[in-house]
Amino acid sequence: MTTLQEIIAAAKTLSAADRLRLVDAVWDDASPESWPRPSQAWIEEVQQRSADYDAGRMPATSWPVVKARARREAGLDD
């Protein structure tokens, strides 16, 4: 039987494009009903950030900037 750690180690040997295809395939197989509930601390953090944004204490970042940062951090724009 393969362990989760072995699967992760094997996935890390894939190219960035293949890792994304793997994530997409696994994600498509997980229905929202099966997702674990976020922790209370996470919910409180999201609520605080939302309140800060609504009150003008936190700036927004545009989707193109967020997407570019995520791609860069994932090693997709090397």
Protein backbone atom coordinates (compact mmCIF):
# COMPACT_ATOMS: atom_id res chain seq x y z
CA MET A 1 0.00 0.00 0.00
CA THR A 2 1.28 3.47 -0.88
CA THR A 3 1.34 6.10 1.85
CA LEU A 4 0.37 9.72 1.43
CA GLN A 5 4.00 10.73 1.96
CA GLU A 6 5.09 8.40 -0.86
CA ILE A 7 2.48 9.86 -3.18
CA ILE A 8 3.56 13.40 -2.32
CA ALA A 9 7.22 12.51 -2.87
CA ALA A 10 6.38 10.99 -6.25
CA ALA A 11 4.25 13.99 -7.21
CA LYS A 12 7.17 16.32 -6.44
CA THR A 13 9.21 14.59 -9.14
CA LEU A 14 6.67 15.61 -11.78
CA SER A 15 7.02 18.73 -13.89
CA ALA A 16 5.12 21.80 -12.69
CA ALA A 17 2.58 21.31 -15.48
CA ASP A 18 2.00 17.66 -14.55
CA ARG A 19 1.66 18.58 -10.85
CA LEU A 20 -1.05 21.07 -11.79
CA ARG A 21 -2.83 18.45 -13.87
CA LEU A 22 -2.65 16.07 -10.89
CA VAL A 23 -4.06 18.70 -8.53
CA ASP A 24 -6.84 19.44 -11.02
CA ALA A 25 -7.75 15.76 -11.34
CA VAL A 26 -7.80 15.21 -7.57
CA TRP A 27 -9.69 18.45 -6.93
CA ASP A 28 -12.37 17.57 -9.48
CA ASP A 29 -12.95 14.29 -7.63
CA ALA A 30 -13.59 15.97 -4.23
CA SER A 31 -17.13 17.22 -3.73
CA PRO A 32 -17.64 20.22 -1.43
CA GLU A 33 -19.75 18.06 0.87
CA SER A 34 -16.64 16.00 1.69
CA TRP A 35 -14.43 18.98 2.53
CA PRO A 36 -13.45 19.34 6.19
CA ARG A 37 -14.92 22.30 8.01
CA PRO A 38 -12.44 25.17 8.48
CA SER A 39 -11.15 25.65 12.01
CA GLN A 40 -12.74 28.29 14.20
CA ALA A 41 -9.45 30.22 14.18
CA TRP A 42 -9.46 30.28 10.36
CA ILE A 43 -13.09 31.47 10.27
CA GLU A 44 -12.29 34.24 12.77
CA GLU A 45 -9.26 35.33 10.71
CA VAL A 46 -11.35 35.53 7.54
CA GLN A 47 -14.05 37.51 9.33
CA GLN A 48 -11.45 39.93 10.74
CA ARG A 49 -9.83 40.43 7.35
CA SER A 50 -13.23 41.00 5.75
CA ALA A 51 -14.12 43.58 8.42
CA ASP A 52 -10.72 45.28 7.94
CA TYR A 53 -11.27 45.42 4.18
CA ASP A 54 -14.83 46.75 4.56
CA ALA A 55 -13.56 49.46 6.95
CA GLY A 56 -10.80 50.51 4.53
CA ARG A 57 -7.98 49.23 6.79
CA MET A 58 -6.81 46.60 4.29
CA PRO A 59 -6.16 47.17 0.59
CA ALA A 60 -7.29 44.74 -2.04
CA THR A 61 -4.94 43.08 -4.51
CA SER A 62 -6.12 42.59 -8.08
CA TRP A 63 -6.55 39.08 -9.47
CA PRO A 64 -3.78 39.53 -12.09
CA VAL A 65 -1.30 40.45 -9.33
CA VAL A 66 -2.39 37.55 -7.10
CA LYS A 67 -2.28 35.12 -10.03
CA ALA A 68 1.20 36.28 -11.09
CA ARG A 69 2.50 35.91 -7.53
CA ALA A 70 1.00 32.42 -7.22
CA ARG A 71 2.49 31.34 -10.55
CA ARG A 72 5.90 32.75 -9.58
CA GLU A 73 5.83 31.03 -6.16
CA ALA A 74 4.75 27.75 -7.80
CA GLY A 75 7.70 27.95 -10.18
CA LEU A 76 5.53 28.24 -13.28
CA ASP A 77 7.11 31.44 -14.60
CA ASP A 78 10.78 30.47 -14.44
